[in-house]
Amino acid sequence: MIASIIIDGYNLIGIHHKGLEIQRQRLVDRLAEYKKIKRHEITVVFDGWKSGSGDESHSVTGGIKVIYSRLGEKADAVIKRIISSEKKQWIVITSDREIAGHAWANGSVVVSSEEFSDILGKPLKIEIGEFDLIDEDVYELPKKGSPRRLSKKEKAKMRAMSKL
């Protein structure tokens, strides 16, 4: 099933890098690889509020929609606006509490940047028909866990994680 994913770009890559342009390009390239396999609709939003242009910038690279906020506006505001205006269930990739709260309030599901980074860091499995090709040495059988019931948010997050 194809999911709509919106990503807080700098929250995912971190902003403490020399050469942010290279880090942004690496992220977009990795997301494009991910999209080829999973086919999800992916939007990544970066801050342009300090050095961006007067207008919000939109482009598509490798099938990934890339948005830079306009000068004076943070990516957080753009993400919140998109979640509010495009009424669909987004999977929101962020560790920002304010964005997460807004996403949950608008019927979207939040996955932390760290969790999604782990997913992107793993070799992607290629889905062919009904079968998944997985390296048997890496695959572990699901562990039996605590019988405690999950909250609605935890269940929604688990469903979203299974799509990623």
N, C-alpha and C. Protein backbone atom coordinates (compact mmCIF):
# COMPACT_ATOMS: atom_id res chain seq x y z
N MET A 1 0.84 -1.19 0.00
CA MET A 1 0.00 0.00 0.00
C MET A 1 0.89 1.25 0.00
N ILE A 2 0.54 2.17 -0.85
CA ILE A 2 1.34 3.39 -0.98
C ILE A 2 0.94 4.37 0.12
N ALA A 3 1.94 4.91 0.79
CA ALA A 3 1.72 5.86 1.88
C ALA A 3 2.20 7.24 1.45
N SER A 4 1.67 8.27 2.08
CA SER A 4 2.12 9.65 1.89
C SER A 4 3.00 10.01 3.07
N ILE A 5 4.26 10.29 2.77
CA ILE A 5 5.25 10.57 3.82
C ILE A 5 5.72 12.00 3.68
N ILE A 6 5.75 12.72 4.79
CA ILE A 6 6.32 14.07 4.80
C ILE A 6 7.44 14.08 5.83
N ILE A 7 8.59 14.63 5.44
CA ILE A 7 9.80 14.53 6.26
C ILE A 7 10.31 15.92 6.61
N ASP A 8 10.61 16.10 7.89
CA ASP A 8 11.28 17.30 8.38
C ASP A 8 12.76 17.09 8.07
N GLY A 9 13.22 17.63 6.95
CA GLY A 9 14.53 17.33 6.40
C GLY A 9 15.70 17.53 7.34
N TYR A 10 15.84 18.75 7.88
CA TYR A 10 16.99 19.00 8.76
C TYR A 10 16.88 18.24 10.07
N ASN A 11 15.66 17.93 10.50
CA ASN A 11 15.48 17.13 11.70
C ASN A 11 16.01 15.71 11.46
N LEU A 12 15.88 15.22 10.23
CA LEU A 12 16.35 13.88 9.90
C LEU A 12 17.87 13.83 9.73
N ILE A 13 18.45 14.81 9.03
CA ILE A 13 19.90 14.75 8.79
C ILE A 13 20.71 15.47 9.87
N GLY A 14 20.06 16.32 10.65
CA GLY A 14 20.79 17.12 11.63
C GLY A 14 21.33 18.37 10.94
N ILE A 15 21.54 19.41 11.69
CA ILE A 15 22.02 20.66 11.08
C ILE A 15 23.46 20.96 11.45
N HIS A 16 24.12 20.02 12.10
CA HIS A 16 25.49 20.26 12.54
C HIS A 16 26.50 19.62 11.61
N HIS A 17 26.29 19.80 10.32
CA HIS A 17 27.20 19.26 9.32
C HIS A 17 27.86 20.41 8.59
N LYS A 18 29.11 20.22 8.23
CA LYS A 18 29.70 21.11 7.26
C LYS A 18 29.18 20.60 5.93
N GLY A 19 28.89 21.48 5.04
CA GLY A 19 28.39 21.05 3.73
C GLY A 19 26.97 20.54 3.78
N LEU A 20 26.05 21.37 4.25
CA LEU A 20 24.64 20.96 4.34
C LEU A 20 24.10 20.59 2.96
N GLU A 21 24.57 21.27 1.93
CA GLU A 21 24.08 20.99 0.58
C GLU A 21 24.36 19.53 0.20
N ILE A 22 25.55 19.04 0.53
CA ILE A 22 25.91 17.66 0.24
C ILE A 22 25.03 16.71 1.05
N GLN A 23 24.79 17.02 2.33
CA GLN A 23 23.94 16.18 3.18
C GLN A 23 22.50 16.14 2.66
N ARG A 24 22.00 17.31 2.22
CA ARG A 24 20.64 17.35 1.66
C ARG A 24 20.56 16.46 0.42
N GLN A 25 21.56 16.58 -0.46
CA GLN A 25 21.56 15.79 -1.70
C GLN A 25 21.65 14.30 -1.40
N ARG A 26 22.48 13.92 -0.43
CA ARG A 26 22.58 12.51 -0.04
C ARG A 26 21.24 11.98 0.46
N LEU A 27 20.56 12.79 1.28
CA LEU A 27 19.26 12.38 1.79
C LEU A 27 18.27 12.19 0.65
N VAL A 28 18.19 13.16 -0.25
CA VAL A 28 17.25 13.07 -1.37
C VAL A 28 17.57 11.87 -2.25
N ASP A 29 18.85 11.61 -2.49
CA ASP A 29 19.26 10.44 -3.28
C ASP A 29 18.83 9.14 -2.60
N ARG A 30 19.03 9.06 -1.30
CA ARG A 30 18.65 7.86 -0.54
C ARG A 30 17.13 7.69 -0.54
N LEU A 31 16.40 8.80 -0.40
CA LEU A 31 14.94 8.73 -0.45
C LEU A 31 14.46 8.29 -1.83
N ALA A 32 15.15 8.71 -2.88
CA ALA A 32 14.79 8.31 -4.24
C ALA A 32 14.97 6.79 -4.41
N GLU A 33 16.05 6.24 -3.85
CA GLU A 33 16.26 4.78 -3.88
C GLU A 33 15.12 4.08 -3.14
N TYR A 34 14.79 4.63 -1.98
CA TYR A 34 13.72 4.08 -1.15
C TYR A 34 12.39 4.11 -1.91
N LYS A 35 12.12 5.22 -2.59
CA LYS A 35 10.88 5.38 -3.34
C LYS A 35 10.77 4.37 -4.48
N LYS A 36 11.89 4.08 -5.15
CA LYS A 36 11.87 3.11 -6.24
C LYS A 36 11.36 1.75 -5.77
N ILE A 37 11.71 1.39 -4.54
CA ILE A 37 11.32 0.09 -4.01
C ILE A 37 9.93 0.13 -3.37
N LYS A 38 9.69 1.14 -2.55
CA LYS A 38 8.44 1.19 -1.78
C LYS A 38 7.30 1.92 -2.50
N ARG A 39 7.63 2.79 -3.45
CA ARG A 39 6.66 3.55 -4.25
C ARG A 39 5.83 4.55 -3.45
N HIS A 40 6.26 4.90 -2.26
CA HIS A 40 5.52 5.87 -1.46
C HIS A 40 5.64 7.27 -2.06
N GLU A 41 4.64 8.09 -1.76
CA GLU A 41 4.68 9.51 -2.13
C GLU A 41 5.49 10.19 -1.03
N ILE A 42 6.63 10.79 -1.37
CA ILE A 42 7.52 11.36 -0.36
C ILE A 42 7.74 12.84 -0.61
N THR A 43 7.54 13.63 0.45
CA THR A 43 7.82 15.06 0.42
C THR A 43 8.81 15.34 1.54
N VAL A 44 9.89 16.06 1.22
CA VAL A 44 10.85 16.45 2.24
C VAL A 44 10.90 17.97 2.28
N VAL A 45 10.86 18.53 3.49
CA VAL A 45 10.82 19.98 3.67
C VAL A 45 12.06 20.43 4.42
N PHE A 46 12.73 21.43 3.85
CA PHE A 46 13.92 22.02 4.47
C PHE A 46 13.65 23.48 4.80
N ASP A 47 14.36 23.98 5.81
CA ASP A 47 14.28 25.41 6.15
C ASP A 47 14.94 26.24 5.07
N GLY A 48 14.28 27.31 4.70
CA GLY A 48 14.88 28.30 3.82
C GLY A 48 14.75 29.67 4.48
N TRP A 49 14.33 29.66 5.76
CA TRP A 49 13.96 30.91 6.43
C TRP A 49 15.14 31.83 6.70
N LYS A 50 16.36 31.31 6.77
CA LYS A 50 17.51 32.19 7.01
C LYS A 50 18.14 32.68 5.72
N SER A 51 18.24 31.78 4.74
CA SER A 51 18.95 32.17 3.53
C SER A 51 18.16 31.83 2.26
N GLY A 52 16.88 31.56 2.40
CA GLY A 52 16.07 31.20 1.25
C GLY A 52 15.62 32.42 0.46
N SER A 53 14.77 32.15 -0.52
CA SER A 53 14.25 33.26 -1.32
C SER A 53 12.96 33.75 -0.68
N GLY A 54 12.39 34.76 -1.27
CA GLY A 54 11.15 35.33 -0.74
C GLY A 54 9.96 34.42 -0.94
N ASP A 55 10.09 33.44 -1.83
CA ASP A 55 9.00 32.51 -2.12
C ASP A 55 9.39 31.10 -1.71
N GLU A 56 8.37 30.33 -1.40
CA GLU A 56 8.60 28.92 -1.11
C GLU A 56 9.05 28.24 -2.41
N SER A 57 10.02 27.36 -2.31
CA SER A 57 10.59 26.69 -3.48
C SER A 57 10.17 25.23 -3.51
N HIS A 58 9.63 24.79 -4.65
CA HIS A 58 9.22 23.39 -4.84
C HIS A 58 9.98 22.82 -6.02
N SER A 59 10.47 21.59 -5.87
CA SER A 59 11.10 20.89 -7.00
C SER A 59 10.89 19.40 -6.80
N VAL A 60 11.14 18.64 -7.85
CA VAL A 60 11.05 17.19 -7.76
C VAL A 60 12.38 16.62 -8.23
N THR A 61 13.00 15.81 -7.39
CA THR A 61 14.28 15.18 -7.69
C THR A 61 14.14 13.68 -7.45
N GLY A 62 14.31 12.90 -8.50
CA GLY A 62 14.21 11.44 -8.35
C GLY A 62 12.86 10.99 -7.84
N GLY A 63 11.80 11.75 -8.15
CA GLY A 63 10.46 11.40 -7.68
C GLY A 63 10.15 11.91 -6.28
N ILE A 64 11.12 12.57 -5.65
CA ILE A 64 10.93 13.10 -4.30
C ILE A 64 10.58 14.59 -4.42
N LYS A 65 9.48 14.98 -3.81
CA LYS A 65 9.10 16.40 -3.81
C LYS A 65 9.93 17.09 -2.73
N VAL A 66 10.70 18.10 -3.13
CA VAL A 66 11.57 18.83 -2.21
C VAL A 66 11.04 20.25 -2.08
N ILE A 67 10.80 20.67 -0.83
CA ILE A 67 10.28 22.02 -0.57
C ILE A 67 11.25 22.74 0.35
N TYR A 68 11.56 24.00 0.00
CA TYR A 68 12.32 24.89 0.87
C TYR A 68 11.35 25.99 1.30
N SER A 69 11.27 26.22 2.61
CA SER A 69 10.39 27.28 3.09
C SER A 69 10.93 28.63 2.61
N ARG A 70 10.05 29.61 2.57
CA ARG A 70 10.48 30.94 2.10
C ARG A 70 11.26 31.65 3.20
N LEU A 71 11.94 32.70 2.83
CA LEU A 71 12.71 33.50 3.76
C LEU A 71 11.78 33.97 4.89
N GLY A 72 12.17 33.75 6.13
CA GLY A 72 11.38 34.17 7.29
C GLY A 72 10.38 33.13 7.77
N GLU A 73 10.29 31.99 7.09
CA GLU A 73 9.36 30.93 7.50
C GLU A 73 10.14 29.64 7.74
N LYS A 74 9.83 28.96 8.82
CA LYS A 74 10.51 27.70 9.12
C LYS A 74 9.81 26.52 8.44
N ALA A 75 10.57 25.46 8.24
CA ALA A 75 10.02 24.24 7.65
C ALA A 75 8.86 23.70 8.49
N ASP A 76 8.94 23.88 9.81
CA ASP A 76 7.87 23.42 10.71
C ASP A 76 6.52 23.98 10.28
N ALA A 77 6.47 25.27 9.95
CA ALA A 77 5.22 25.92 9.55
C ALA A 77 4.71 25.34 8.23
N VAL A 78 5.62 25.06 7.32
CA VAL A 78 5.24 24.48 6.03
C VAL A 78 4.66 23.08 6.24
N ILE A 79 5.32 22.28 7.06
CA ILE A 79 4.84 20.91 7.32
C ILE A 79 3.46 20.95 7.96
N LYS A 80 3.27 21.81 8.95
CA LYS A 80 1.96 21.92 9.61
C LYS A 80 0.89 22.35 8.62
N ARG A 81 1.22 23.30 7.76
CA ARG A 81 0.26 23.80 6.77
C ARG A 81 -0.14 22.67 5.81
N ILE A 82 0.82 21.90 5.34
CA ILE A 82 0.54 20.80 4.41
C ILE A 82 -0.34 19.74 5.09
N ILE A 83 0.02 19.37 6.32
CA ILE A 83 -0.76 18.36 7.05
C ILE A 83 -2.20 18.83 7.24
N SER A 84 -2.38 20.11 7.54
CA SER A 84 -3.72 20.66 7.78
C SER A 84 -4.52 20.80 6.50
N SER A 85 -3.87 21.23 5.41
CA SER A 85 -4.61 21.53 4.19
C SER A 85 -4.86 20.31 3.32
N GLU A 86 -3.94 19.38 3.25
CA GLU A 86 -4.12 18.18 2.44
C GLU A 86 -4.65 17.09 3.35
N LYS A 87 -5.94 16.96 3.37
CA LYS A 87 -6.60 16.04 4.31
C LYS A 87 -6.42 14.59 3.88
N LYS A 88 -5.31 14.02 4.28
CA LYS A 88 -5.05 12.60 4.11
C LYS A 88 -4.20 12.17 5.29
N GLN A 89 -4.08 10.89 5.49
CA GLN A 89 -3.28 10.44 6.62
C GLN A 89 -1.82 10.39 6.21
N TRP A 90 -1.08 11.34 6.70
CA TRP A 90 0.35 11.42 6.44
C TRP A 90 1.10 10.55 7.44
N ILE A 91 2.25 10.06 7.01
CA ILE A 91 3.23 9.53 7.95
C ILE A 91 4.25 10.66 8.06
N VAL A 92 4.36 11.23 9.24
CA VAL A 92 5.21 12.40 9.46
C VAL A 92 6.50 11.96 10.13
N ILE A 93 7.63 12.25 9.47
CA ILE A 93 8.94 11.87 9.99
C ILE A 93 9.55 13.10 10.66
N THR A 94 9.55 13.10 11.98
CA THR A 94 10.12 14.22 12.74
C THR A 94 10.33 13.80 14.19
N SER A 95 11.22 14.50 14.85
CA SER A 95 11.36 14.33 16.30
C SER A 95 10.98 15.62 17.01
N ASP A 96 10.40 16.55 16.28
CA ASP A 96 9.96 17.83 16.81
C ASP A 96 8.60 17.64 17.49
N ARG A 97 8.53 17.93 18.78
CA ARG A 97 7.29 17.70 19.54
C ARG A 97 6.11 18.52 19.02
N GLU A 98 6.37 19.75 18.63
CA GLU A 98 5.30 20.63 18.15
C GLU A 98 4.68 20.09 16.86
N ILE A 99 5.53 19.67 15.93
CA ILE A 99 5.02 19.09 14.67
C ILE A 99 4.30 17.79 14.97
N ALA A 100 4.87 16.97 15.85
CA ALA A 100 4.26 15.68 16.19
C ALA A 100 2.86 15.88 16.78
N GLY A 101 2.73 16.81 17.70
CA GLY A 101 1.43 17.09 18.30
C GLY A 101 0.41 17.53 17.27
N HIS A 102 0.84 18.40 16.35
CA HIS A 102 -0.03 18.89 15.28
C HIS A 102 -0.44 17.73 14.36
N ALA A 103 0.51 16.87 14.05
CA ALA A 103 0.23 15.73 13.17
C ALA A 103 -0.80 14.80 13.78
N TRP A 104 -0.58 14.42 15.05
CA TRP A 104 -1.53 13.53 15.72
C TRP A 104 -2.92 14.17 15.77
N ALA A 105 -2.98 15.47 16.04
CA ALA A 105 -4.26 16.17 16.14
C ALA A 105 -5.00 16.21 14.80
N ASN A 106 -4.25 16.07 13.69
CA ASN A 106 -4.85 16.12 12.36
C ASN A 106 -4.98 14.74 11.71
N GLY A 107 -4.91 13.70 12.53
CA GLY A 107 -5.14 12.35 12.03
C GLY A 107 -3.97 11.70 11.32
N SER A 108 -2.79 12.27 11.47
CA SER A 108 -1.59 11.69 10.87
C SER A 108 -0.84 10.87 11.91
N VAL A 109 0.14 10.11 11.45
CA VAL A 109 0.93 9.25 12.33
C VAL A 109 2.36 9.76 12.32
N VAL A 110 3.00 9.76 13.48
CA VAL A 110 4.37 10.27 13.60
C VAL A 110 5.34 9.12 13.82
N VAL A 111 6.43 9.16 13.06
CA VAL A 111 7.55 8.24 13.25
C VAL A 111 8.77 9.12 13.51
N SER A 112 9.52 8.81 14.54
CA SER A 112 10.66 9.66 14.89
C SER A 112 11.73 9.61 13.79
N SER A 113 12.51 10.67 13.71
CA SER A 113 13.59 10.75 12.74
C SER A 113 14.58 9.61 12.94
N GLU A 114 14.86 9.27 14.20
CA GLU A 114 15.81 8.21 14.50
C GLU A 114 15.30 6.86 13.97
N GLU A 115 14.02 6.58 14.18
CA GLU A 115 13.45 5.32 13.71
C GLU A 115 13.49 5.24 12.18
N PHE A 116 13.14 6.34 11.52
CA PHE A 116 13.15 6.33 10.06
C PHE A 116 14.58 6.27 9.52
N SER A 117 15.50 6.92 10.20
CA SER A 117 16.90 6.86 9.80
C SER A 117 17.41 5.43 9.86
N ASP A 118 16.98 4.68 10.89
CA ASP A 118 17.34 3.26 11.00
C ASP A 118 16.79 2.47 9.81
N ILE A 119 15.56 2.78 9.41
CA ILE A 119 14.95 2.10 8.27
C ILE A 119 15.73 2.41 7.00
N LEU A 120 16.10 3.68 6.80
CA LEU A 120 16.86 4.06 5.61
C LEU A 120 18.27 3.48 5.62
N GLY A 121 18.81 3.27 6.82
CA GLY A 121 20.17 2.76 6.95
C GLY A 121 20.29 1.29 6.65
N LYS A 122 19.19 0.55 6.76
CA LYS A 122 19.20 -0.88 6.49
C LYS A 122 19.16 -1.10 4.99
N PRO A 123 19.74 -2.22 4.54
CA PRO A 123 19.58 -2.55 3.12
C PRO A 123 18.09 -2.73 2.86
N LEU A 124 17.61 -2.13 1.80
CA LEU A 124 16.19 -2.20 1.50
C LEU A 124 15.86 -3.55 0.87
N LYS A 125 14.75 -4.12 1.30
CA LYS A 125 14.33 -5.38 0.69
C LYS A 125 13.52 -5.04 -0.55
N ILE A 126 13.67 -5.86 -1.56
CA ILE A 126 12.97 -5.65 -2.82
C ILE A 126 11.76 -6.55 -2.83
N GLU A 127 10.60 -5.94 -3.00
CA GLU A 127 9.37 -6.71 -2.99
C GLU A 127 9.06 -7.15 -4.41
N ILE A 128 8.92 -8.47 -4.60
CA ILE A 128 8.61 -9.02 -5.91
C ILE A 128 7.36 -9.88 -5.74
N GLY A 129 6.28 -9.43 -6.33
CA GLY A 129 5.04 -10.19 -6.22
C GLY A 129 4.66 -10.40 -4.78
N GLU A 130 4.46 -11.65 -4.40
CA GLU A 130 4.06 -11.98 -3.04
C GLU A 130 5.26 -12.21 -2.12
N PHE A 131 6.47 -12.26 -2.68
CA PHE A 131 7.63 -12.64 -1.90
C PHE A 131 8.51 -11.44 -1.59
N ASP A 132 9.14 -11.46 -0.46
CA ASP A 132 10.12 -10.46 -0.08
C ASP A 132 11.48 -11.15 -0.06
N LEU A 133 12.46 -10.51 -0.69
CA LEU A 133 13.81 -11.05 -0.65
C LEU A 133 14.52 -10.46 0.55
N ILE A 134 14.90 -11.31 1.49
CA ILE A 134 15.53 -10.85 2.71
C ILE A 134 16.78 -11.71 2.93
N ASP A 135 17.85 -11.07 3.33
CA ASP A 135 19.06 -11.81 3.66
C ASP A 135 18.76 -12.63 4.91
N GLU A 136 18.82 -13.96 4.80
CA GLU A 136 18.42 -14.83 5.90
C GLU A 136 19.28 -14.65 7.15
N ASP A 137 20.54 -14.25 6.97
CA ASP A 137 21.42 -14.07 8.13
C ASP A 137 21.00 -12.86 8.95
N VAL A 138 20.37 -11.88 8.31
CA VAL A 138 19.98 -10.65 9.00
C VAL A 138 18.59 -10.79 9.62
N TYR A 139 17.73 -11.58 9.00
CA TYR A 139 16.35 -11.69 9.44
C TYR A 139 16.25 -12.45 10.76
N GLU A 140 15.47 -11.90 11.67
CA GLU A 140 15.22 -12.56 12.95
C GLU A 140 13.73 -12.84 13.07
N LEU A 141 13.40 -13.94 13.69
CA LEU A 141 11.99 -14.23 13.93
C LEU A 141 11.44 -13.21 14.91
N PRO A 142 10.18 -12.83 14.72
CA PRO A 142 9.58 -11.87 15.66
C PRO A 142 9.62 -12.43 17.08
N LYS A 143 9.96 -11.57 18.02
CA LYS A 143 10.03 -11.99 19.42
C LYS A 143 8.65 -11.85 20.04
N LYS A 144 8.38 -12.75 20.93
CA LYS A 144 7.12 -12.66 21.65
C LYS A 144 7.31 -11.66 22.77
N GLY A 145 6.46 -10.68 22.80
CA GLY A 145 6.62 -9.62 23.79
C GLY A 145 5.58 -9.66 24.87
N SER A 146 5.53 -8.60 25.58
CA SER A 146 4.59 -8.43 26.67
C SER A 146 3.16 -8.44 26.13
N PRO A 147 2.24 -9.04 26.84
CA PRO A 147 0.86 -9.07 26.38
C PRO A 147 0.11 -7.75 26.63
N ARG A 148 0.81 -6.74 27.12
CA ARG A 148 0.12 -5.48 27.43
C ARG A 148 -0.43 -4.87 26.15
N ARG A 149 -1.56 -4.22 26.28
CA ARG A 149 -2.24 -3.62 25.13
C ARG A 149 -1.59 -2.30 24.77
N LEU A 150 -1.50 -2.05 23.47
CA LEU A 150 -0.93 -0.80 22.98
C LEU A 150 -2.00 0.28 22.93
N SER A 151 -1.55 1.52 23.08
CA SER A 151 -2.48 2.65 22.96
C SER A 151 -2.84 2.83 21.48
N LYS A 152 -3.84 3.65 21.20
CA LYS A 152 -4.24 3.91 19.82
C LYS A 152 -3.09 4.52 19.02
N LYS A 153 -2.35 5.44 19.64
CA LYS A 153 -1.21 6.05 18.97
C LYS A 153 -0.15 5.01 18.65
N GLU A 154 0.14 4.14 19.61
CA GLU A 154 1.15 3.11 19.40
C GLU A 154 0.73 2.14 18.30
N LYS A 155 -0.56 1.79 18.26
CA LYS A 155 -1.06 0.91 17.20
C LYS A 155 -0.95 1.59 15.85
N ALA A 156 -1.32 2.87 15.78
CA ALA A 156 -1.24 3.62 14.52
C ALA A 156 0.21 3.71 14.05
N LYS A 157 1.11 3.94 15.00
CA LYS A 157 2.53 4.04 14.65
C LYS A 157 3.04 2.69 14.15
N MET A 158 2.64 1.60 14.77
CA MET A 158 3.06 0.27 14.33
C MET A 158 2.57 -0.02 12.91
N ARG A 159 1.32 0.39 12.61
CA ARG A 159 0.80 0.20 11.25
C ARG A 159 1.62 1.00 10.25
N ALA A 160 1.96 2.25 10.63
CA ALA A 160 2.75 3.11 9.74
C ALA A 160 4.15 2.53 9.55
N MET A 161 4.76 2.05 10.62
CA MET A 161 6.11 1.48 10.54
C MET A 161 6.12 0.25 9.62
N SER A 162 5.03 -0.52 9.63
CA SER A 162 5.00 -1.72 8.78
C SER A 162 4.96 -1.35 7.30
N LYS A 163 4.48 -0.14 6.98
CA LYS A 163 4.44 0.33 5.60
C LYS A 163 5.81 0.83 5.14
N LEU A 164 6.61 1.31 6.09
CA LEU A 164 7.90 1.93 5.72
C LEU A 164 8.93 0.91 5.33
